[in-house]
Amino acid sequence: MKLIMDKPEAVKAGRRRRVFAWLSLLIVIAIAFAFVFIPAWMIIPFKSQTSRGVALSYSLKSWSPVVTVVGGLLSAALIVYLWRGARWFGRLAMIVLLAPVALSVWFARQNHFEWMFNPLLDPAYARANEADFVAGNDMVMSVVINDEVAAYPIRQMGYHHIVQDTVGGAPIVATY
């Protein structure tokens, strides 16, 4: 049995499907964007952070590569569906909406935490009696392993936040 719809009903049904597709496209883009940029926003240097916020940030960051690829594929499929019936401004909007999806897919594969914390890649070290750049009242972080001592001035760690080193034969990462 076939149902015959009059033309106005068919047009209304088509419009509803298109509106649903547009809403779906916007939601998919928002989700992909959120999985990438919420962790970057939550882990801002010198901002107070909670353990729950850090856990959420790292969880979103770990899922972001998969979520953004799926979001990119869904966005592409929705754009293909919407393209045929769209006018020039609708097509332009679709092209513009590809930018945050593409940015999210790319950004999910970057280590933006490392960008924020500028690790010291090739540190140079000085013996304590030769370290004239450290004042007597400067705060330092110190590590002692197997009777070997290393100290990291807080003034320098405040910029780099991370230094990889070997102390007492053990590889370490000092952070501040």
C-alpha atoms as a PDB file:
ATOM      1  CA  MET A   1       0.000   0.000   0.000  1.00  0.00           C
ATOM      2  CA  LYS A   2       1.391   3.382  -0.988  1.00  0.00           C
ATOM      3  CA  LEU A   3       0.584   6.611   0.681  1.00  0.00           C
ATOM      4  CA  ILE A   4       0.358   9.583  -1.562  1.00  0.00           C
ATOM      5  CA  MET A   5       1.225  12.846   0.080  1.00  0.00           C
ATOM      6  CA  ASP A   6       0.162  16.080  -1.409  1.00  0.00           C
ATOM      7  CA  LYS A   7       2.992  18.357  -2.416  1.00  0.00           C
ATOM      8  CA  PRO A   8       2.840  20.700   0.601  1.00  0.00           C
ATOM      9  CA  GLU A   9       3.226  17.749   3.018  1.00  0.00           C
ATOM     10  CA  ALA A  10       6.187  16.390   1.077  1.00  0.00           C
ATOM     11  CA  VAL A  11       7.807  19.821   1.099  1.00  0.00           C
ATOM     12  CA  LYS A  12       7.249  20.149   4.860  1.00  0.00           C
ATOM     13  CA  ALA A  13       8.760  16.702   5.473  1.00  0.00           C
ATOM     14  CA  GLY A  14      11.785  17.623   3.350  1.00  0.00           C
ATOM     15  CA  ARG A  15      12.246  20.864   5.262  1.00  0.00           C
ATOM     16  CA  ARG A  16      12.066  19.025   8.579  1.00  0.00           C
ATOM     17  CA  ARG A  17      14.757  16.588   7.412  1.00  0.00           C
ATOM     18  CA  ARG A  18      16.969  19.472   6.295  1.00  0.00           C
ATOM     19  CA  VAL A  19      16.487  21.365   9.562  1.00  0.00           C
ATOM     20  CA  PHE A  20      17.307  18.165  11.460  1.00  0.00           C
ATOM     21  CA  ALA A  21      20.429  17.686   9.295  1.00  0.00           C
ATOM     22  CA  TRP A  22      21.564  21.286   9.943  1.00  0.00           C
ATOM     23  CA  LEU A  23      21.025  20.889  13.691  1.00  0.00           C
ATOM     24  CA  SER A  24      22.873  17.581  13.633  1.00  0.00           C
ATOM     25  CA  LEU A  25      25.757  19.200  11.771  1.00  0.00           C
ATOM     26  CA  LEU A  26      26.015  22.006  14.340  1.00  0.00           C
ATOM     27  CA  ILE A  27      25.861  19.550  17.258  1.00  0.00           C
ATOM     28  CA  VAL A  28      28.549  17.287  15.746  1.00  0.00           C
ATOM     29  CA  ILE A  29      30.819  20.299  15.181  1.00  0.00           C
ATOM     30  CA  ALA A  30      30.232  21.547  18.743  1.00  0.00           C
ATOM     31  CA  ILE A  31      31.079  18.127  20.205  1.00  0.00           C
ATOM     32  CA  ALA A  32      34.271  17.781  18.137  1.00  0.00           C
ATOM     33  CA  PHE A  33      35.277  21.323  19.076  1.00  0.00           C
ATOM     34  CA  ALA A  34      34.524  20.740  22.777  1.00  0.00           C
ATOM     35  CA  PHE A  35      36.622  17.558  22.989  1.00  0.00           C
ATOM     36  CA  VAL A  36      39.654  19.511  21.837  1.00  0.00           C
ATOM     37  CA  PHE A  37      39.288  22.977  23.289  1.00  0.00           C
ATOM     38  CA  ILE A  38      37.838  22.238  26.747  1.00  0.00           C
ATOM     39  CA  PRO A  39      41.061  20.439  27.812  1.00  0.00           C
ATOM     40  CA  ALA A  40      43.169  23.311  26.467  1.00  0.00           C
ATOM     41  CA  TRP A  41      41.022  25.821  28.352  1.00  0.00           C
ATOM     42  CA  MET A  42      41.007  23.818  31.606  1.00  0.00           C
ATOM     43  CA  ILE A  43      44.786  23.302  31.762  1.00  0.00           C
ATOM     44  CA  ILE A  44      45.930  26.895  31.600  1.00  0.00           C
ATOM     45  CA  PRO A  45      49.258  27.686  33.302  1.00  0.00           C
ATOM     46  CA  PHE A  46      49.087  29.679  36.541  1.00  0.00           C
ATOM     47  CA  LYS A  47      45.353  28.989  36.927  1.00  0.00           C
ATOM     48  CA  SER A  48      44.028  27.094  39.898  1.00  0.00           C
ATOM     49  CA  GLN A  49      43.021  23.547  38.938  1.00  0.00           C
ATOM     50  CA  THR A  50      41.148  20.783  40.689  1.00  0.00           C
ATOM     51  CA  SER A  51      42.034  17.109  40.446  1.00  0.00           C
ATOM     52  CA  ARG A  52      38.596  16.465  38.950  1.00  0.00           C
ATOM     53  CA  GLY A  53      39.149  19.135  36.287  1.00  0.00           C
ATOM     54  CA  VAL A  54      42.571  17.737  35.399  1.00  0.00           C
ATOM     55  CA  ALA A  55      41.122  14.206  35.173  1.00  0.00           C
ATOM     56  CA  LEU A  56      38.295  15.428  32.915  1.00  0.00           C
ATOM     57  CA  SER A  57      40.749  17.356  30.760  1.00  0.00           C
ATOM     58  CA  TYR A  58      43.023  14.356  30.229  1.00  0.00           C
ATOM     59  CA  SER A  59      40.055  12.075  29.562  1.00  0.00           C
ATOM     60  CA  LEU A  60      38.693  14.419  26.882  1.00  0.00           C
ATOM     61  CA  LYS A  61      42.192  14.807  25.430  1.00  0.00           C
ATOM     62  CA  SER A  62      42.642  11.033  25.191  1.00  0.00           C
ATOM     63  CA  TRP A  63      39.309  10.572  23.379  1.00  0.00           C
ATOM     64  CA  SER A  64      39.656  13.625  21.122  1.00  0.00           C
ATOM     65  CA  PRO A  65      41.488  11.909  18.210  1.00  0.00           C
ATOM     66  CA  VAL A  66      38.674   9.376  17.770  1.00  0.00           C
ATOM     67  CA  VAL A  67      35.819  11.802  18.431  1.00  0.00           C
ATOM     68  CA  THR A  68      37.154  14.405  16.008  1.00  0.00           C
ATOM     69  CA  VAL A  69      37.637  11.909  13.155  1.00  0.00           C
ATOM     70  CA  VAL A  70      34.125  10.537  13.657  1.00  0.00           C
ATOM     71  CA  GLY A  71      32.843  14.118  13.874  1.00  0.00           C
ATOM     72  CA  GLY A  72      34.687  15.023  10.689  1.00  0.00           C
ATOM     73  CA  LEU A  73      33.224  12.063   8.818  1.00  0.00           C
ATOM     74  CA  LEU A  74      29.710  12.783  10.094  1.00  0.00           C
ATOM     75  CA  SER A  75      30.092  16.454   9.172  1.00  0.00           C
ATOM     76  CA  ALA A  76      31.233  15.548   5.676  1.00  0.00           C
ATOM     77  CA  ALA A  77      28.280  13.158   5.240  1.00  0.00           C
ATOM     78  CA  LEU A  78      25.799  15.781   6.443  1.00  0.00           C
ATOM     79  CA  ILE A  79      27.324  18.413   4.168  1.00  0.00           C
ATOM     80  CA  VAL A  80      27.068  16.079   1.177  1.00  0.00           C
ATOM     81  CA  TYR A  81      23.407  15.486   2.056  1.00  0.00           C
ATOM     82  CA  LEU A  82      22.674  19.199   2.493  1.00  0.00           C
ATOM     83  CA  TRP A  83      24.745  20.467  -0.460  1.00  0.00           C
ATOM     84  CA  ARG A  84      22.357  19.543  -3.283  1.00  0.00           C
ATOM     85  CA  GLY A  85      19.380  21.465  -1.981  1.00  0.00           C
ATOM     86  CA  ALA A  86      21.321  24.442  -0.596  1.00  0.00           C
ATOM     87  CA  ARG A  87      21.552  27.907  -2.032  1.00  0.00           C
ATOM     88  CA  TRP A  88      24.857  29.742  -2.348  1.00  0.00           C
ATOM     89  CA  PHE A  89      24.787  31.164   1.202  1.00  0.00           C
ATOM     90  CA  GLY A  90      23.977  27.732   2.649  1.00  0.00           C
ATOM     91  CA  ARG A  91      26.900  26.239   0.746  1.00  0.00           C
ATOM     92  CA  LEU A  92      29.137  29.044   1.936  1.00  0.00           C
ATOM     93  CA  ALA A  93      28.031  28.356   5.539  1.00  0.00           C
ATOM     94  CA  MET A  94      28.870  24.659   5.077  1.00  0.00           C
ATOM     95  CA  ILE A  95      32.350  25.503   3.821  1.00  0.00           C
ATOM     96  CA  VAL A  96      32.884  27.877   6.747  1.00  0.00           C
ATOM     97  CA  LEU A  97      31.658  25.195   9.180  1.00  0.00           C
ATOM     98  CA  LEU A  98      34.309  22.807   7.884  1.00  0.00           C
ATOM     99  CA  ALA A  99      36.999  25.061   9.398  1.00  0.00           C
ATOM    100  CA  PRO A 100      36.307  24.266  13.091  1.00  0.00           C
ATOM    101  CA  VAL A 101      35.969  20.560  12.264  1.00  0.00           C
ATOM    102  CA  ALA A 102      39.264  20.508  10.370  1.00  0.00           C
ATOM    103  CA  LEU A 103      40.915  22.539  13.129  1.00  0.00           C
ATOM    104  CA  SER A 104      39.602  20.121  15.770  1.00  0.00           C
ATOM    105  CA  VAL A 105      40.835  17.067  13.840  1.00  0.00           C
ATOM    106  CA  TRP A 106      44.289  18.625  13.487  1.00  0.00           C
ATOM    107  CA  PHE A 107      44.471  20.008  17.039  1.00  0.00           C
ATOM    108  CA  ALA A 108      43.464  16.651  18.574  1.00  0.00           C
ATOM    109  CA  ARG A 109      46.716  15.226  17.249  1.00  0.00           C
ATOM    110  CA  GLN A 110      48.897  17.964  18.753  1.00  0.00           C
ATOM    111  CA  ASN A 111      50.379  18.071  22.233  1.00  0.00           C
ATOM    112  CA  HIS A 112      49.127  21.526  23.183  1.00  0.00           C
ATOM    113  CA  PHE A 113      50.074  20.922  26.827  1.00  0.00           C
ATOM    114  CA  GLU A 114      53.700  20.924  25.685  1.00  0.00           C
ATOM    115  CA  TRP A 115      53.103  24.204  23.826  1.00  0.00           C
ATOM    116  CA  MET A 116      51.943  25.830  27.046  1.00  0.00           C
ATOM    117  CA  PHE A 117      54.806  24.502  29.155  1.00  0.00           C
ATOM    118  CA  ASN A 118      57.834  25.121  26.869  1.00  0.00           C
ATOM    119  CA  PRO A 119      60.029  22.227  28.056  1.00  0.00           C
ATOM    120  CA  LEU A 120      63.737  22.917  28.221  1.00  0.00           C
ATOM    121  CA  LEU A 121      64.982  20.663  25.420  1.00  0.00           C
ATOM    122  CA  ASP A 122      68.747  20.967  25.808  1.00  0.00           C
ATOM    123  CA  PRO A 123      69.463  22.129  29.351  1.00  0.00           C
ATOM    124  CA  ALA A 124      72.930  23.303  30.347  1.00  0.00           C
ATOM    125  CA  TYR A 125      74.121  22.679  33.876  1.00  0.00           C
ATOM    126  CA  ALA A 126      76.588  24.411  36.167  1.00  0.00           C
ATOM    127  CA  ARG A 127      78.239  23.294  39.386  1.00  0.00           C
ATOM    128  CA  ALA A 128      76.863  25.035  42.475  1.00  0.00           C
ATOM    129  CA  ASN A 129      80.014  27.127  42.996  1.00  0.00           C
ATOM    130  CA  GLU A 130      79.873  28.263  39.320  1.00  0.00           C
ATOM    131  CA  ALA A 131      76.147  29.132  39.263  1.00  0.00           C
ATOM    132  CA  ASP A 132      76.509  32.902  39.598  1.00  0.00           C
ATOM    133  CA  PHE A 133      73.066  33.385  37.979  1.00  0.00           C
ATOM    134  CA  VAL A 134      71.389  31.975  41.123  1.00  0.00           C
ATOM    135  CA  ALA A 135      71.295  34.324  44.107  1.00  0.00           C
ATOM    136  CA  GLY A 136      71.731  32.991  47.612  1.00  0.00           C
ATOM    137  CA  ASN A 137      68.091  33.725  48.469  1.00  0.00           C
ATOM    138  CA  ASP A 138      66.611  32.233  45.241  1.00  0.00           C
ATOM    139  CA  MET A 139      64.274  29.296  45.747  1.00  0.00           C
ATOM    140  CA  VAL A 140      65.314  26.033  44.102  1.00  0.00           C
ATOM    141  CA  MET A 141      63.823  22.576  43.718  1.00  0.00           C
ATOM    142  CA  SER A 142      66.311  19.885  44.558  1.00  0.00           C
ATOM    143  CA  VAL A 143      66.576  16.181  43.861  1.00  0.00           C
ATOM    144  CA  VAL A 144      68.921  13.711  45.516  1.00  0.00           C
ATOM    145  CA  ILE A 145      69.381  10.254  43.999  1.00  0.00           C
ATOM    146  CA  ASN A 146      72.322   7.928  44.796  1.00  0.00           C
ATOM    147  CA  ASP A 147      74.224  10.733  46.548  1.00  0.00           C
ATOM    148  CA  GLU A 148      74.010  12.972  43.468  1.00  0.00           C
ATOM    149  CA  VAL A 149      72.260  16.318  43.949  1.00  0.00           C
ATOM    150  CA  ALA A 150      70.605  18.512  41.321  1.00  0.00           C
ATOM    151  CA  ALA A 151      68.904  21.857  41.908  1.00  0.00           C
ATOM    152  CA  TYR A 152      66.544  23.715  39.573  1.00  0.00           C
ATOM    153  CA  PRO A 153      65.954  27.440  40.144  1.00  0.00           C
ATOM    154  CA  ILE A 154      62.252  28.239  40.512  1.00  0.00           C
ATOM    155  CA  ARG A 155      62.771  31.441  38.522  1.00  0.00           C
ATOM    156  CA  GLN A 156      63.720  29.376  35.463  1.00  0.00           C
ATOM    157  CA  MET A 157      61.260  26.559  36.136  1.00  0.00           C
ATOM    158  CA  GLY A 158      58.442  29.116  36.273  1.00  0.00           C
ATOM    159  CA  TYR A 159      58.869  29.609  32.533  1.00  0.00           C
ATOM    160  CA  HIS A 160      59.796  26.128  31.329  1.00  0.00           C
ATOM    161  CA  HIS A 161      57.782  24.133  33.910  1.00  0.00           C
ATOM    162  CA  ILE A 162      59.497  20.917  32.805  1.00  0.00           C
ATOM    163  CA  VAL A 163      63.119  19.773  32.643  1.00  0.00           C
ATOM    164  CA  GLN A 164      64.280  16.281  31.756  1.00  0.00           C
ATOM    165  CA  ASP A 165      67.487  15.279  33.479  1.00  0.00           C
ATOM    166  CA  THR A 166      69.497  12.345  34.770  1.00  0.00           C
ATOM    167  CA  VAL A 167      70.352  12.424  38.469  1.00  0.00           C
ATOM    168  CA  GLY A 168      72.326   9.636  40.106  1.00  0.00           C
ATOM    169  CA  GLY A 169      72.009   7.543  36.940  1.00  0.00           C
ATOM    170  CA  ALA A 170      68.190   7.739  36.981  1.00  0.00           C
ATOM    171  CA  PRO A 171      66.224   9.658  34.349  1.00  0.00           C
ATOM    172  CA  ILE A 172      63.843  12.183  35.934  1.00  0.00           C
ATOM    173  CA  VAL A 173      61.389  14.857  34.917  1.00  0.00           C
ATOM    174  CA  ALA A 174      61.287  17.841  37.255  1.00  0.00           C
ATOM    175  CA  THR A 175      58.152  19.956  37.005  1.00  0.00           C
ATOM    176  CA  TYR A 176      56.914  23.140  38.605  1.00  0.00           C
END
